[in-house]
Amino acid sequence: MPSPKLRPSDRSYSHPEPTEGYTGTWEQPTPAEPTATPAPRLEPPDKIGQWTIQETIAALSRRLPDSIMSTKSQGRSKIPFITWYAVNAILDKYSPGWCWEMRSVQFTADRVFVVGRLSLQTSEGIVYREATGSEELKATTRDGEIKEIAYGDPSSNAESMAFRRCAARFGLGLYLYDK
């Protein structure tokens, strides 16, 4: 199977060489511009470890369809993100045999910290990336009252953050971290 090719519109950090006309930054389309043409359909690997790490990163670095994106409010802005279960499904499809493990969980008085490792099986062997996630447990209000502020379970939220960040280190949704 030929290696998936990257284009500047894929917004990948792992493009081997700048393409002609590359300016050094990725430009997002302005609202007046038409939406970017979706990348051609990519056939997933037939078996575990079939693709090289470069092929896997190229596939995971592709721009994601809006239909699987979620948004959250932060102040007055809507921030796009990928849910952990969407990341899970994409990894199942394009990197079968992947493995997730939590390497450490630490608590402070008001925060939980998780270090996780995502391992992908490639034709060169197992390749992994590690990342952290954290979540506040409680905060002090202006009145001096201590309140729990986390939505859902704080340790699950921190794990989800670490998992999504690990996947981003393989290119999955990495463009969403651009400011």
Protein backbone atom coordinates (compact mmCIF):
# COMPACT_ATOMS: atom_id res chain seq x y z
CA MET A 1 0.00 0.00 0.00
CA PRO A 2 1.47 3.38 -0.90
CA SER A 3 2.28 5.75 1.91
CA PRO A 4 -0.42 8.38 2.61
CA LYS A 5 0.84 11.75 1.40
CA LEU A 6 0.48 14.93 3.42
CA ARG A 7 -0.48 18.31 2.09
CA PRO A 8 -0.26 21.67 3.86
CA SER A 9 -4.06 21.53 4.22
CA ASP A 10 -3.60 18.42 6.39
CA ARG A 11 -2.01 20.78 8.97
CA SER A 12 0.48 18.15 10.05
CA TYR A 13 3.53 18.95 12.14
CA SER A 14 5.33 15.96 10.64
CA HIS A 15 5.53 16.98 6.98
CA PRO A 16 9.04 15.90 5.95
CA GLU A 17 9.85 18.95 3.80
CA PRO A 18 8.10 22.26 3.20
CA THR A 19 6.06 22.20 0.01
CA GLU A 20 6.34 24.85 -2.66
CA GLY A 21 4.71 28.04 -1.45
CA TYR A 22 4.96 27.04 2.22
CA THR A 23 5.10 30.19 4.34
CA GLY A 24 6.09 28.66 7.67
CA THR A 25 2.63 28.89 9.23
CA TRP A 26 -0.62 27.10 8.60
CA GLU A 27 -3.37 29.45 7.61
CA GLN A 28 -6.92 28.71 8.58
CA PRO A 29 -9.57 29.59 6.01
CA THR A 30 -11.45 32.76 6.77
CA PRO A 31 -15.22 32.44 7.14
CA ALA A 32 -15.68 34.02 3.67
CA GLU A 33 -13.65 31.21 2.05
CA PRO A 34 -15.31 27.92 1.14
CA THR A 35 -14.65 24.98 3.43
CA ALA A 36 -11.55 22.99 2.53
CA THR A 37 -12.09 20.00 0.27
CA PRO A 38 -12.09 16.82 2.34
CA ALA A 39 -9.05 14.61 1.91
CA PRO A 40 -9.57 11.55 -0.28
CA ARG A 41 -10.81 8.44 1.49
CA LEU A 42 -8.01 6.45 3.08
CA GLU A 43 -8.27 2.69 3.39
CA PRO A 44 -7.30 1.56 6.91
CA PRO A 45 -4.68 -1.13 7.43
CA ASP A 46 -5.77 -4.75 7.04
CA LYS A 47 -3.84 -6.02 10.04
CA ILE A 48 -2.06 -4.92 13.22
CA GLY A 49 1.34 -3.38 12.56
CA GLN A 50 0.91 -3.18 8.79
CA TRP A 51 1.74 0.53 8.49
CA THR A 52 5.03 2.27 9.29
CA ILE A 53 5.04 5.00 11.91
CA GLN A 54 5.22 7.59 9.09
CA GLU A 55 2.14 6.12 7.40
CA THR A 56 0.28 6.01 10.72
CA ILE A 57 1.16 9.62 11.60
CA ALA A 58 0.18 10.75 8.08
CA ALA A 59 -3.22 9.05 8.43
CA LEU A 60 -3.85 10.38 11.96
CA SER A 61 -2.73 13.90 10.98
CA ARG A 62 -5.49 14.35 8.45
CA ARG A 63 -8.07 17.02 9.16
CA LEU A 64 -11.08 15.57 10.97
CA PRO A 65 -14.62 15.90 9.65
CA ASP A 66 -16.78 18.42 11.49
CA SER A 67 -19.31 15.67 12.21
CA ILE A 68 -17.06 14.06 14.85
CA MET A 69 -15.97 17.32 16.49
CA SER A 70 -17.43 18.59 19.74
CA THR A 71 -17.24 22.09 21.20
CA LYS A 72 -16.99 23.49 24.68
CA SER A 73 -17.45 27.02 25.94
CA GLN A 74 -14.51 28.84 27.41
CA GLY A 75 -15.47 32.37 28.31
CA ARG A 76 -17.21 33.75 25.24
CA SER A 77 -15.44 31.40 22.83
CA LYS A 78 -16.46 28.01 21.52
CA ILE A 79 -13.45 25.68 21.45
CA PRO A 80 -13.48 22.60 19.18
CA PHE A 81 -12.17 19.34 20.59
CA ILE A 82 -12.27 15.59 20.04
CA THR A 83 -13.88 13.39 22.67
CA TRP A 84 -11.90 10.49 24.09
CA TYR A 85 -14.32 8.01 22.53
CA ALA A 86 -13.86 9.58 19.06
CA VAL A 87 -10.07 9.27 19.51
CA ASN A 88 -10.62 5.65 20.56
CA ALA A 89 -12.64 4.89 17.39
CA ILE A 90 -10.10 6.59 15.09
CA LEU A 91 -7.22 4.67 16.66
CA ASP A 92 -9.19 1.42 16.32
CA LYS A 93 -9.60 2.09 12.61
CA TYR A 94 -6.16 3.46 11.65
CA SER A 95 -3.90 1.87 14.25
CA PRO A 96 -5.40 -1.44 15.32
CA GLY A 97 -3.71 -3.04 18.30
CA TRP A 98 -2.99 0.27 20.07
CA CYS A 99 -2.59 0.23 23.84
CA TRP A 100 -3.31 2.86 26.52
CA GLU A 101 -1.92 2.82 30.04
CA MET A 102 -1.92 5.26 32.92
CA ARG A 103 1.67 5.50 34.13
CA SER A 104 0.99 7.55 37.26
CA VAL A 105 -1.78 9.32 39.12
CA GLN A 106 -0.89 12.01 41.66
CA PHE A 107 -3.16 14.11 43.86
CA THR A 108 -2.56 17.48 45.51
CA ALA A 109 -5.00 19.29 47.77
CA ASP A 110 -6.91 20.71 44.80
CA ARG A 111 -5.76 18.85 41.66
CA VAL A 112 -5.27 15.41 40.14
CA PHE A 113 -2.43 14.75 37.68
CA VAL A 114 -2.27 11.77 35.31
CA VAL A 115 0.61 10.61 33.11
CA GLY A 116 -0.46 8.27 30.33
CA ARG A 117 1.23 6.33 27.54
CA LEU A 118 -0.27 5.53 24.16
CA SER A 119 1.53 2.73 22.28
CA LEU A 120 0.96 2.02 18.58
CA GLN A 121 2.05 -1.16 16.83
CA THR A 122 3.80 -0.34 13.56
CA SER A 123 5.80 -2.34 11.04
CA GLU A 124 8.97 -1.06 12.79
CA GLY A 125 7.73 -2.20 16.21
CA ILE A 126 5.90 -0.52 19.10
CA VAL A 127 6.11 3.27 19.21
CA TYR A 128 4.76 5.23 22.16
CA ARG A 129 4.11 8.79 23.27
CA GLU A 130 3.43 10.03 26.80
CA ALA A 131 1.47 13.05 27.97
CA THR A 132 -0.06 14.53 31.10
CA GLY A 133 -3.55 15.55 32.01
CA SER A 134 -4.80 17.42 35.07
CA GLU A 135 -8.08 18.50 36.56
CA GLU A 136 -8.97 20.82 39.40
CA LEU A 137 -10.77 19.15 42.26
CA LYS A 138 -12.00 22.25 44.05
CA ALA A 139 -11.60 25.99 44.12
CA THR A 140 -12.25 28.82 46.54
CA THR A 141 -15.08 31.18 45.62
CA ARG A 142 -14.93 34.95 46.19
CA ASP A 143 -16.88 34.36 49.40
CA GLY A 144 -14.12 32.04 50.66
CA GLU A 145 -16.26 28.94 50.19
CA ILE A 146 -14.51 25.82 48.88
CA LYS A 147 -16.48 24.16 46.09
CA GLU A 148 -15.90 21.15 43.90
CA ILE A 149 -15.72 22.47 40.36
CA ALA A 150 -15.00 19.51 38.14
CA TYR A 151 -17.63 18.35 35.68
CA GLY A 152 -17.79 14.58 36.02
CA ASP A 153 -15.13 12.52 37.73
CA PRO A 154 -11.86 14.54 38.00
CA SER A 155 -9.57 11.53 37.54
CA SER A 156 -11.48 10.42 34.42
CA ASN A 157 -11.29 13.96 33.04
CA ALA A 158 -7.52 14.07 33.65
CA GLU A 159 -7.10 10.65 32.02
CA SER A 160 -9.16 11.78 29.02
CA MET A 161 -6.94 14.87 28.66
CA ALA A 162 -3.75 12.78 28.81
CA PHE A 163 -5.15 10.27 26.28
CA ARG A 164 -6.17 12.97 23.80
CA ARG A 165 -2.79 14.70 24.19
CA CYS A 166 -0.94 11.43 23.55
CA ALA A 167 -3.00 10.93 20.39
CA ALA A 168 -2.18 14.51 19.35
CA ARG A 169 1.50 13.65 19.67
CA PHE A 170 0.87 11.11 16.91
CA GLY A 171 -0.84 13.88 14.89
CA LEU A 172 -4.51 13.17 15.70
CA GLY A 173 -6.24 16.55 15.96
CA LEU A 174 -2.93 18.32 16.54
CA TYR A 175 -4.10 21.26 14.44
CA LEU A 176 -6.77 21.95 17.10
CA TYR A 177 -4.02 23.10 19.49
CA ASP A 178 -3.05 25.96 17.13
CA LYS A 179 -4.06 29.31 18.54
